Full PDB file with SEQRES, HELIX, SHEET, SSBOND, CRYST1, ORIGX, SCALE, CONECT and MASTER records, all heavy atoms in Angstrom:
SEQRES   1 A   38  SER PHE CYS TRP GLU HIS ARG PRO GLU GLN ALA ALA GLU          
SEQRES   2 A   38  ALA ALA PRO GLU GLU ASN THR THR CYS LEU ILE CYS LEU          
SEQRES   3 A   38  ASP PRO VAL GLY ASP ARG LYS SER TYR GLY THR MET              
CRYST1    1.000    1.000    1.000  90.00  90.00  90.00 P 1           1          
ORIGX1      1.000000  0.000000  0.000000        0.00000                         
ORIGX2      0.000000  1.000000  0.000000        0.00000                         
ORIGX3      0.000000  0.000000  1.000000        0.00000                         
SCALE1      1.000000  0.000000  0.000000        0.00000                         
SCALE2      0.000000  1.000000  0.000000        0.00000                         
SCALE3      0.000000  0.000000  1.000000        0.00000                         
ATOM      1  N   SER A   1      16.937  -1.691  -3.739  1.00  0.00           N  
ATOM      2  CA  SER A   1      15.478  -1.697  -3.968  1.00  0.00           C  
ATOM      3  C   SER A   1      14.775  -2.413  -2.799  1.00  0.00           C  
ATOM      4  O   SER A   1      15.301  -3.387  -2.266  1.00  0.00           O  
ATOM      5  CB  SER A   1      15.110  -2.346  -5.315  1.00  0.00           C  
ATOM      6  OG  SER A   1      15.618  -1.554  -6.370  1.00  0.00           O  
ATOM      7  N   PHE A   2      13.530  -1.903  -2.507  1.00  0.00           N  
ATOM      8  CA  PHE A   2      12.881  -2.445  -1.424  1.00  0.00           C  
ATOM      9  C   PHE A   2      11.359  -2.601  -1.819  1.00  0.00           C  
ATOM     10  O   PHE A   2      10.827  -1.826  -2.497  1.00  0.00           O  
ATOM     11  CB  PHE A   2      12.887  -1.616  -0.195  1.00  0.00           C  
ATOM     12  CG  PHE A   2      14.262  -1.297   0.283  1.00  0.00           C  
ATOM     13  CD1 PHE A   2      15.055  -0.211  -0.170  1.00  0.00           C  
ATOM     14  CD2 PHE A   2      14.899  -2.185   1.170  1.00  0.00           C  
ATOM     15  CE1 PHE A   2      16.304   0.059   0.232  1.00  0.00           C  
ATOM     16  CE2 PHE A   2      16.153  -1.990   1.656  1.00  0.00           C  
ATOM     17  CZ  PHE A   2      16.854  -0.831   1.189  1.00  0.00           C  
ATOM     18  N   CYS A   3      10.724  -3.703  -1.409  1.00  0.00           N  
ATOM     19  CA  CYS A   3       9.323  -3.982  -1.618  1.00  0.00           C  
ATOM     20  C   CYS A   3       8.534  -3.077  -0.722  1.00  0.00           C  
ATOM     21  O   CYS A   3       9.055  -2.347   0.162  1.00  0.00           O  
ATOM     22  CB  CYS A   3       8.980  -5.381  -1.344  1.00  0.00           C  
ATOM     23  SG  CYS A   3       9.029  -5.975   0.417  1.00  0.00           S  
ATOM     24  N   TRP A   4       7.234  -3.060  -0.840  1.00  0.00           N  
ATOM     25  CA  TRP A   4       6.327  -2.243   0.012  1.00  0.00           C  
ATOM     26  C   TRP A   4       6.513  -2.489   1.537  1.00  0.00           C  
ATOM     27  O   TRP A   4       6.369  -1.582   2.245  1.00  0.00           O  
ATOM     28  CB  TRP A   4       4.855  -2.402  -0.415  1.00  0.00           C  
ATOM     29  CG  TRP A   4       4.325  -3.715  -0.197  1.00  0.00           C  
ATOM     30  CD1 TRP A   4       4.478  -4.851  -0.981  1.00  0.00           C  
ATOM     31  CD2 TRP A   4       3.722  -4.249   0.987  1.00  0.00           C  
ATOM     32  NE1 TRP A   4       3.876  -5.951  -0.414  1.00  0.00           N  
ATOM     33  CE2 TRP A   4       3.532  -5.598   0.869  1.00  0.00           C  
ATOM     34  CE3 TRP A   4       3.479  -3.678   2.241  1.00  0.00           C  
ATOM     35  CZ2 TRP A   4       2.879  -6.376   1.795  1.00  0.00           C  
ATOM     36  CZ3 TRP A   4       2.833  -4.432   3.229  1.00  0.00           C  
ATOM     37  CH2 TRP A   4       2.558  -5.752   2.997  1.00  0.00           C  
ATOM     38  N   GLU A   5       6.811  -3.679   1.868  1.00  0.00           N  
ATOM     39  CA  GLU A   5       6.850  -3.993   3.296  1.00  0.00           C  
ATOM     40  C   GLU A   5       8.182  -3.540   4.004  1.00  0.00           C  
ATOM     41  O   GLU A   5       8.227  -3.246   5.162  1.00  0.00           O  
ATOM     42  CB  GLU A   5       6.729  -5.486   3.471  1.00  0.00           C  
ATOM     43  CG  GLU A   5       6.629  -5.917   4.968  1.00  0.00           C  
ATOM     44  CD  GLU A   5       6.315  -7.489   5.116  1.00  0.00           C  
ATOM     45  OE1 GLU A   5       6.219  -8.149   4.096  1.00  0.00           O  
ATOM     46  OE2 GLU A   5       6.228  -7.870   6.278  1.00  0.00           O  
ATOM     47  N   HIS A   6       9.154  -3.469   3.187  1.00  0.00           N  
ATOM     48  CA  HIS A   6      10.578  -3.219   3.670  1.00  0.00           C  
ATOM     49  C   HIS A   6      11.102  -1.834   3.302  1.00  0.00           C  
ATOM     50  O   HIS A   6      12.258  -1.578   3.566  1.00  0.00           O  
ATOM     51  CB  HIS A   6      11.566  -4.332   3.359  1.00  0.00           C  
ATOM     52  CG  HIS A   6      11.047  -5.670   3.831  1.00  0.00           C  
ATOM     53  ND1 HIS A   6      10.697  -6.746   2.944  1.00  0.00           N  
ATOM     54  CD2 HIS A   6      10.894  -6.179   5.091  1.00  0.00           C  
ATOM     55  CE1 HIS A   6      10.393  -7.710   3.679  1.00  0.00           C  
ATOM     56  NE2 HIS A   6      10.462  -7.427   5.023  1.00  0.00           N  
ATOM     57  N   ARG A   7      10.352  -1.089   2.626  1.00  0.00           N  
ATOM     58  CA  ARG A   7      10.828   0.140   2.096  1.00  0.00           C  
ATOM     59  C   ARG A   7      11.167   1.210   3.257  1.00  0.00           C  
ATOM     60  O   ARG A   7      10.554   1.082   4.315  1.00  0.00           O  
ATOM     61  CB  ARG A   7       9.837   0.878   1.188  1.00  0.00           C  
ATOM     62  CG  ARG A   7       8.599   1.269   1.867  1.00  0.00           C  
ATOM     63  CD  ARG A   7       7.609   1.880   0.872  1.00  0.00           C  
ATOM     64  NE  ARG A   7       6.432   2.289   1.608  1.00  0.00           N  
ATOM     65  CZ  ARG A   7       5.153   2.007   1.195  1.00  0.00           C  
ATOM     66  NH1 ARG A   7       4.957   1.379   0.212  1.00  0.00           N  
ATOM     67  NH2 ARG A   7       4.124   2.418   1.973  1.00  0.00           N  
ATOM     68  N   PRO A   8      12.054   2.037   3.046  1.00  0.00           N  
ATOM     69  CA  PRO A   8      12.351   3.051   4.085  1.00  0.00           C  
ATOM     70  C   PRO A   8      11.218   4.015   4.258  1.00  0.00           C  
ATOM     71  O   PRO A   8      10.502   4.281   3.374  1.00  0.00           O  
ATOM     72  CB  PRO A   8      13.565   3.827   3.545  1.00  0.00           C  
ATOM     73  CG  PRO A   8      13.638   3.595   2.123  1.00  0.00           C  
ATOM     74  CD  PRO A   8      12.847   2.259   1.800  1.00  0.00           C  
ATOM     75  N   GLU A   9      11.043   4.449   5.479  1.00  0.00           N  
ATOM     76  CA  GLU A   9       9.969   5.384   5.817  1.00  0.00           C  
ATOM     77  C   GLU A   9      10.563   6.733   6.281  1.00  0.00           C  
ATOM     78  O   GLU A   9      11.675   6.746   6.803  1.00  0.00           O  
ATOM     79  CB  GLU A   9       9.094   4.869   6.943  1.00  0.00           C  
ATOM     80  CG  GLU A   9       8.422   3.547   6.674  1.00  0.00           C  
ATOM     81  CD  GLU A   9       7.161   3.689   5.747  1.00  0.00           C  
ATOM     82  OE1 GLU A   9       6.610   4.758   5.742  1.00  0.00           O  
ATOM     83  OE2 GLU A   9       6.887   2.663   5.112  1.00  0.00           O  
ATOM     84  N   GLN A  10       9.879   7.797   6.086  1.00  0.00           N  
ATOM     85  CA  GLN A  10      10.375   9.064   6.496  1.00  0.00           C  
ATOM     86  C   GLN A  10      10.346   9.091   7.992  1.00  0.00           C  
ATOM     87  O   GLN A  10       9.408   8.728   8.658  1.00  0.00           O  
ATOM     88  CB  GLN A  10       9.543  10.309   5.894  1.00  0.00           C  
ATOM     89  CG  GLN A  10       9.892  10.522   4.470  1.00  0.00           C  
ATOM     90  CD  GLN A  10       9.385  11.806   4.061  1.00  0.00           C  
ATOM     91  OE1 GLN A  10       8.126  11.976   3.764  1.00  0.00           O  
ATOM     92  NE2 GLN A  10      10.253  12.811   3.913  1.00  0.00           N  
ATOM     93  N   ALA A  11      11.424   9.621   8.574  1.00  0.00           N  
ATOM     94  CA  ALA A  11      11.503   9.688  10.082  1.00  0.00           C  
ATOM     95  C   ALA A  11      10.671  10.758  10.668  1.00  0.00           C  
ATOM     96  O   ALA A  11      10.340  10.764  11.854  1.00  0.00           O  
ATOM     97  CB  ALA A  11      12.944   9.949  10.477  1.00  0.00           C  
ATOM     98  N   ALA A  12      10.316  11.838   9.913  1.00  0.00           N  
ATOM     99  CA  ALA A  12       9.552  12.971  10.456  1.00  0.00           C  
ATOM    100  C   ALA A  12       8.247  12.492  11.051  1.00  0.00           C  
ATOM    101  O   ALA A  12       7.479  11.731  10.414  1.00  0.00           O  
ATOM    102  CB  ALA A  12       9.279  13.971   9.391  1.00  0.00           C  
ATOM    103  N   GLU A  13       7.992  12.874  12.292  1.00  0.00           N  
ATOM    104  CA  GLU A  13       6.658  12.494  12.960  1.00  0.00           C  
ATOM    105  C   GLU A  13       5.605  13.520  12.590  1.00  0.00           C  
ATOM    106  O   GLU A  13       4.526  13.355  13.131  1.00  0.00           O  
ATOM    107  CB  GLU A  13       6.910  12.462  14.439  1.00  0.00           C  
ATOM    108  CG  GLU A  13       7.778  11.343  14.858  1.00  0.00           C  
ATOM    109  CD  GLU A  13       7.344  10.023  14.495  1.00  0.00           C  
ATOM    110  OE1 GLU A  13       6.138   9.758  14.594  1.00  0.00           O  
ATOM    111  OE2 GLU A  13       8.156   9.065  14.155  1.00  0.00           O  
ATOM    112  N   ALA A  14       5.838  14.469  11.833  1.00  0.00           N  
ATOM    113  CA  ALA A  14       4.778  15.508  11.496  1.00  0.00           C  
ATOM    114  C   ALA A  14       3.735  14.876  10.684  1.00  0.00           C  
ATOM    115  O   ALA A  14       3.890  13.867   9.989  1.00  0.00           O  
ATOM    116  CB  ALA A  14       5.457  16.633  10.644  1.00  0.00           C  
ATOM    117  N   ALA A  15       2.578  15.463  10.910  1.00  0.00           N  
ATOM    118  CA  ALA A  15       1.330  15.055  10.081  1.00  0.00           C  
ATOM    119  C   ALA A  15       0.815  16.302   9.460  1.00  0.00           C  
ATOM    120  O   ALA A  15       0.830  17.432  10.038  1.00  0.00           O  
ATOM    121  CB  ALA A  15       0.267  14.419  10.962  1.00  0.00           C  
ATOM    122  N   PRO A  16       0.244  16.264   8.273  1.00  0.00           N  
ATOM    123  CA  PRO A  16      -0.209  17.466   7.671  1.00  0.00           C  
ATOM    124  C   PRO A  16      -1.520  18.018   8.384  1.00  0.00           C  
ATOM    125  O   PRO A  16      -2.323  17.244   8.909  1.00  0.00           O  
ATOM    126  CB  PRO A  16      -0.595  17.061   6.253  1.00  0.00           C  
ATOM    127  CG  PRO A  16      -0.667  15.571   6.242  1.00  0.00           C  
ATOM    128  CD  PRO A  16       0.127  15.130   7.424  1.00  0.00           C  
ATOM    129  N   GLU A  17      -1.480  19.326   8.463  1.00  0.00           N  
ATOM    130  CA  GLU A  17      -2.691  19.886   9.074  1.00  0.00           C  
ATOM    131  C   GLU A  17      -3.849  19.712   8.173  1.00  0.00           C  
ATOM    132  O   GLU A  17      -3.767  19.365   7.002  1.00  0.00           O  
ATOM    133  CB  GLU A  17      -2.507  21.437   9.262  1.00  0.00           C  
ATOM    134  CG  GLU A  17      -1.377  21.663  10.300  1.00  0.00           C  
ATOM    135  CD  GLU A  17      -1.080  23.205  10.309  1.00  0.00           C  
ATOM    136  OE1 GLU A  17      -1.838  24.060   9.886  1.00  0.00           O  
ATOM    137  OE2 GLU A  17      -0.075  23.492  11.064  1.00  0.00           O  
ATOM    138  N   GLU A  18      -5.054  19.951   8.691  1.00  0.00           N  
ATOM    139  CA  GLU A  18      -6.271  19.796   7.905  1.00  0.00           C  
ATOM    140  C   GLU A  18      -6.274  20.646   6.681  1.00  0.00           C  
ATOM    141  O   GLU A  18      -5.822  21.817   6.741  1.00  0.00           O  
ATOM    142  CB  GLU A  18      -7.585  20.046   8.698  1.00  0.00           C  
ATOM    143  CG  GLU A  18      -8.777  19.644   8.062  1.00  0.00           C  
ATOM    144  CD  GLU A  18     -10.066  19.825   9.070  1.00  0.00           C  
ATOM    145  OE1 GLU A  18      -9.830  19.888  10.266  1.00  0.00           O  
ATOM    146  OE2 GLU A  18     -11.077  19.922   8.505  1.00  0.00           O  
ATOM    147  N   ASN A  19      -6.656  20.226   5.494  1.00  0.00           N  
ATOM    148  CA  ASN A  19      -6.722  20.859   4.279  1.00  0.00           C  
ATOM    149  C   ASN A  19      -5.327  21.264   3.731  1.00  0.00           C  
ATOM    150  O   ASN A  19      -5.262  22.233   2.990  1.00  0.00           O  
ATOM    151  CB  ASN A  19      -7.687  22.106   4.376  1.00  0.00           C  
ATOM    152  CG  ASN A  19      -9.062  21.712   4.740  1.00  0.00           C  
ATOM    153  OD1 ASN A  19      -9.610  20.751   4.232  1.00  0.00           O  
ATOM    154  ND2 ASN A  19      -9.626  22.547   5.633  1.00  0.00           N  
ATOM    155  N   THR A  20      -4.276  20.601   4.058  1.00  0.00           N  
ATOM    156  CA  THR A  20      -2.966  20.867   3.588  1.00  0.00           C  
ATOM    157  C   THR A  20      -2.893  20.440   2.154  1.00  0.00           C  
ATOM    158  O   THR A  20      -3.408  19.347   1.818  1.00  0.00           O  
ATOM    159  CB  THR A  20      -1.913  20.107   4.348  1.00  0.00           C  
ATOM    160  OG1 THR A  20      -1.871  20.476   5.646  1.00  0.00           O  
ATOM    161  CG2 THR A  20      -0.495  20.315   3.799  1.00  0.00           C  
ATOM    162  N   THR A  21      -2.304  21.283   1.275  1.00  0.00           N  
ATOM    163  CA  THR A  21      -2.212  20.984  -0.121  1.00  0.00           C  
ATOM    164  C   THR A  21      -0.779  20.768  -0.593  1.00  0.00           C  
ATOM    165  O   THR A  21       0.163  21.292   0.162  1.00  0.00           O  
ATOM    166  CB  THR A  21      -2.836  22.144  -0.928  1.00  0.00           C  
ATOM    167  OG1 THR A  21      -2.108  23.345  -0.693  1.00  0.00           O  
ATOM    168  CG2 THR A  21      -4.273  22.328  -0.741  1.00  0.00           C  
ATOM    169  N   CYS A  22      -0.543  19.988  -1.646  1.00  0.00           N  
ATOM    170  CA  CYS A  22       0.774  19.897  -2.198  1.00  0.00           C  
ATOM    171  C   CYS A  22       1.219  21.136  -2.711  1.00  0.00           C  
ATOM    172  O   CYS A  22       0.567  21.894  -3.420  1.00  0.00           O  
ATOM    173  CB  CYS A  22       0.737  18.871  -3.359  1.00  0.00           C  
ATOM    174  SG  CYS A  22       2.093  18.671  -4.367  1.00  0.00           S  
ATOM    175  N   LEU A  23       2.543  21.547  -2.378  1.00  0.00           N  
ATOM    176  CA  LEU A  23       3.120  22.823  -2.781  1.00  0.00           C  
ATOM    177  C   LEU A  23       3.322  22.918  -4.273  1.00  0.00           C  
ATOM    178  O   LEU A  23       3.548  24.021  -4.822  1.00  0.00           O  
ATOM    179  CB  LEU A  23       4.362  23.153  -1.992  1.00  0.00           C  
ATOM    180  CG  LEU A  23       4.308  23.386  -0.540  1.00  0.00           C  
ATOM    181  CD1 LEU A  23       5.659  23.622   0.009  1.00  0.00           C  
ATOM    182  CD2 LEU A  23       3.450  24.548  -0.249  1.00  0.00           C  
ATOM    183  N   ILE A  24       3.203  21.792  -4.961  1.00  0.00           N  
ATOM    184  CA  ILE A  24       3.562  21.775  -6.428  1.00  0.00           C  
ATOM    185  C   ILE A  24       2.186  21.769  -7.226  1.00  0.00           C  
ATOM    186  O   ILE A  24       2.135  22.720  -8.121  1.00  0.00           O  
ATOM    187  CB  ILE A  24       4.463  20.562  -6.774  1.00  0.00           C  
ATOM    188  CG1 ILE A  24       5.676  20.754  -5.962  1.00  0.00           C  
ATOM    189  CG2 ILE A  24       4.632  20.535  -8.279  1.00  0.00           C  
ATOM    190  CD1 ILE A  24       6.596  19.464  -5.884  1.00  0.00           C  
ATOM    191  N   CYS A  25       1.347  20.952  -6.945  1.00  0.00           N  
ATOM    192  CA  CYS A  25       0.096  20.824  -7.738  1.00  0.00           C  
ATOM    193  C   CYS A  25      -1.107  21.453  -6.981  1.00  0.00           C  
ATOM    194  O   CYS A  25      -2.166  21.651  -7.702  1.00  0.00           O  
ATOM    195  CB  CYS A  25      -0.309  19.357  -8.040  1.00  0.00           C  
ATOM    196  SG  CYS A  25      -0.805  18.468  -6.649  1.00  0.00           S  
ATOM    197  N   LEU A  26      -1.005  21.839  -5.837  1.00  0.00           N  
ATOM    198  CA  LEU A  26      -2.067  22.443  -5.026  1.00  0.00           C  
ATOM    199  C   LEU A  26      -3.280  21.601  -4.689  1.00  0.00           C  
ATOM    200  O   LEU A  26      -4.362  22.087  -4.320  1.00  0.00           O  
ATOM    201  CB  LEU A  26      -2.425  23.812  -5.561  1.00  0.00           C  
ATOM    202  CG  LEU A  26      -1.316  24.836  -5.845  1.00  0.00           C  
ATOM    203  CD1 LEU A  26      -1.789  26.036  -6.496  1.00  0.00           C  
ATOM    204  CD2 LEU A  26      -0.678  25.094  -4.397  1.00  0.00           C  
ATOM    205  N   ASP A  27      -3.117  20.385  -4.921  1.00  0.00           N  
ATOM    206  CA  ASP A  27      -4.247  19.297  -4.578  1.00  0.00           C  
ATOM    207  C   ASP A  27      -4.055  18.876  -3.151  1.00  0.00           C  
ATOM    208  O   ASP A  27      -2.884  18.922  -2.597  1.00  0.00           O  
ATOM    209  CB  ASP A  27      -4.279  18.182  -5.535  1.00  0.00           C  
ATOM    210  CG  ASP A  27      -4.808  18.370  -6.911  1.00  0.00           C  
ATOM    211  OD1 ASP A  27      -5.531  19.459  -7.052  1.00  0.00           O  
ATOM    212  OD2 ASP A  27      -4.526  17.686  -7.787  1.00  0.00           O  
ATOM    213  N   PRO A  28      -5.087  18.480  -2.439  1.00  0.00           N  
ATOM    214  CA  PRO A  28      -4.875  17.964  -1.075  1.00  0.00           C  
ATOM    215  C   PRO A  28      -3.923  16.801  -0.954  1.00  0.00           C  
ATOM    216  O   PRO A  28      -3.880  15.909  -1.813  1.00  0.00           O  
ATOM    217  CB  PRO A  28      -6.305  17.526  -0.626  1.00  0.00           C  
ATOM    218  CG  PRO A  28      -7.198  18.186  -1.633  1.00  0.00           C  
ATOM    219  CD  PRO A  28      -6.459  18.366  -2.848  1.00  0.00           C  
ATOM    220  N   VAL A  29      -3.129  16.757   0.107  1.00  0.00           N  
ATOM    221  CA  VAL A  29      -2.205  15.670   0.302  1.00  0.00           C  
ATOM    222  C   VAL A  29      -2.732  14.566   1.267  1.00  0.00           C  
ATOM    223  O   VAL A  29      -1.982  13.596   1.396  1.00  0.00           O  
ATOM    224  CB  VAL A  29      -0.827  16.169   0.837  1.00  0.00           C  
ATOM    225  CG1 VAL A  29      -0.161  17.070  -0.104  1.00  0.00           C  
ATOM    226  CG2 VAL A  29      -0.958  16.889   2.162  1.00  0.00           C  
ATOM    227  N   GLY A  30      -3.904  14.686   1.821  1.00  0.00           N  
ATOM    228  CA  GLY A  30      -4.385  13.737   2.763  1.00  0.00           C  
ATOM    229  C   GLY A  30      -4.007  14.133   4.204  1.00  0.00           C  
ATOM    230  O   GLY A  30      -3.522  15.215   4.458  1.00  0.00           O  
ATOM    231  N   ASP A  31      -4.250  13.187   5.125  1.00  0.00           N  
ATOM    232  CA  ASP A  31      -4.114  13.553   6.539  1.00  0.00           C  
ATOM    233  C   ASP A  31      -2.846  12.947   7.245  1.00  0.00           C  
ATOM    234  O   ASP A  31      -2.759  12.960   8.445  1.00  0.00           O  
ATOM    235  CB  ASP A  31      -5.347  13.200   7.317  1.00  0.00           C  
ATOM    236  CG  ASP A  31      -5.697  11.708   7.307  1.00  0.00           C  
ATOM    237  OD1 ASP A  31      -4.959  10.955   6.550  1.00  0.00           O  
ATOM    238  OD2 ASP A  31      -6.624  11.302   7.903  1.00  0.00           O  
ATOM    239  N   ARG A  32      -1.994  12.243   6.430  1.00  0.00           N  
ATOM    240  CA  ARG A  32      -0.807  11.651   7.000  1.00  0.00           C  
ATOM    241  C   ARG A  32       0.224  11.359   5.973  1.00  0.00           C  
ATOM    242  O   ARG A  32       0.033  11.402   4.772  1.00  0.00           O  
ATOM    243  CB  ARG A  32      -1.169  10.290   7.674  1.00  0.00           C  
ATOM    244  CG  ARG A  32      -1.724   9.356   6.672  1.00  0.00           C  
ATOM    245  CD  ARG A  32      -2.157   8.042   7.355  1.00  0.00           C  
ATOM    246  NE  ARG A  32      -2.876   7.134   6.419  1.00  0.00           N  
ATOM    247  CZ  ARG A  32      -2.260   6.326   5.643  1.00  0.00           C  
ATOM    248  NH1 ARG A  32      -1.003   6.206   5.564  1.00  0.00           N  
ATOM    249  NH2 ARG A  32      -3.018   5.592   4.806  1.00  0.00           N  
ATOM    250  N   LYS A  33       1.474  11.080   6.469  1.00  0.00           N  
ATOM    251  CA  LYS A  33       2.595  10.650   5.593  1.00  0.00           C  
ATOM    252  C   LYS A  33       2.173   9.255   5.088  1.00  0.00           C  
ATOM    253  O   LYS A  33       1.640   8.476   5.700  1.00  0.00           O  
ATOM    254  CB  LYS A  33       3.856  10.491   6.424  1.00  0.00           C  
ATOM    255  CG  LYS A  33       4.833  11.502   6.481  1.00  0.00           C  
ATOM    256  CD  LYS A  33       6.074  11.075   7.269  1.00  0.00           C  
ATOM    257  CE  LYS A  33       5.921  10.001   8.213  1.00  0.00           C  
ATOM    258  NZ  LYS A  33       6.962   9.761   9.153  1.00  0.00           N  
ATOM    259  N   SER A  34       2.575   9.067   3.838  1.00  0.00           N  
ATOM    260  CA  SER A  34       2.243   7.801   3.148  1.00  0.00           C  
ATOM    261  C   SER A  34       3.356   7.593   2.051  1.00  0.00           C  
ATOM    262  O   SER A  34       4.103   8.466   1.779  1.00  0.00           O  
ATOM    263  CB  SER A  34       0.852   7.723   2.676  1.00  0.00           C  
ATOM    264  OG  SER A  34       0.775   8.580   1.565  1.00  0.00           O  
ATOM    265  N   TYR A  35       3.145   6.467   1.368  1.00  0.00           N  
ATOM    266  CA  TYR A  35       4.068   6.332   0.137  1.00  0.00           C  
ATOM    267  C   TYR A  35       3.915   7.423  -0.876  1.00  0.00           C  
ATOM    268  O   TYR A  35       4.844   7.894  -1.355  1.00  0.00           O  
ATOM    269  CB  TYR A  35       3.771   4.901  -0.429  1.00  0.00           C  
ATOM    270  CG  TYR A  35       4.569   4.709  -1.694  1.00  0.00           C  
ATOM    271  CD1 TYR A  35       5.882   4.368  -1.591  1.00  0.00           C  
ATOM    272  CD2 TYR A  35       4.046   4.829  -3.012  1.00  0.00           C  
ATOM    273  CE1 TYR A  35       6.644   4.096  -2.779  1.00  0.00           C  
ATOM    274  CE2 TYR A  35       4.743   4.503  -4.173  1.00  0.00           C  
ATOM    275  CZ  TYR A  35       6.026   4.158  -4.020  1.00  0.00           C  
ATOM    276  OH  TYR A  35       6.850   4.096  -5.159  1.00  0.00           O  
ATOM    277  N   GLY A  36       2.663   7.832  -1.049  1.00  0.00           N  
ATOM    278  CA  GLY A  36       2.432   8.858  -2.067  1.00  0.00           C  
ATOM    279  C   GLY A  36       2.435  10.327  -1.546  1.00  0.00           C  
ATOM    280  O   GLY A  36       2.388  11.258  -2.253  1.00  0.00           O  
ATOM    281  N   THR A  37       2.630  10.527  -0.224  1.00  0.00           N  
ATOM    282  CA  THR A  37       2.571  11.762   0.407  1.00  0.00           C  
ATOM    283  C   THR A  37       3.976  11.944   1.219  1.00  0.00           C  
ATOM    284  O   THR A  37       4.250  11.146   2.047  1.00  0.00           O  
ATOM    285  CB  THR A  37       1.503  11.991   1.332  1.00  0.00           C  
ATOM    286  OG1 THR A  37       0.259  11.884   0.592  1.00  0.00           O  
ATOM    287  CG2 THR A  37       1.479  13.398   1.978  1.00  0.00           C  
ATOM    288  N   MET A  38       4.656  12.986   0.974  1.00  0.00           N  
ATOM    289  CA  MET A  38       5.974  13.271   1.576  1.00  0.00           C  
ATOM    290  C   MET A  38       6.061  14.528   2.156  1.00  0.00           C  
ATOM    291  O   MET A  38       5.335  15.511   1.871  1.00  0.00           O  
ATOM    292  CB  MET A  38       7.084  13.010   0.502  1.00  0.00           C  
ATOM    293  CG  MET A  38       7.016  11.638  -0.146  1.00  0.00           C  
ATOM    294  SD  MET A  38       8.205  11.474  -1.509  1.00  0.00           S  
ATOM    295  CE  MET A  38       9.667  11.095  -0.591  1.00  0.00           C  
TER     296      MET A  38                                                      
MASTER        0    0    0    0    0    0    0    6  295    1    0    3          
END                                                                             
C-alpha cells in the first residue's frame, strides 16, 4: 500500500484529447492523467 505521495503513477505520457470521455460512463475524464483518471 502507498500513500498519495508515494503511490505508483502510470508511465504512459499520453494526455486525453479535448472532450475525451470515459469509455464506461461516457462522462468527461478531464485533460490529464490523475489518480481518478486512467
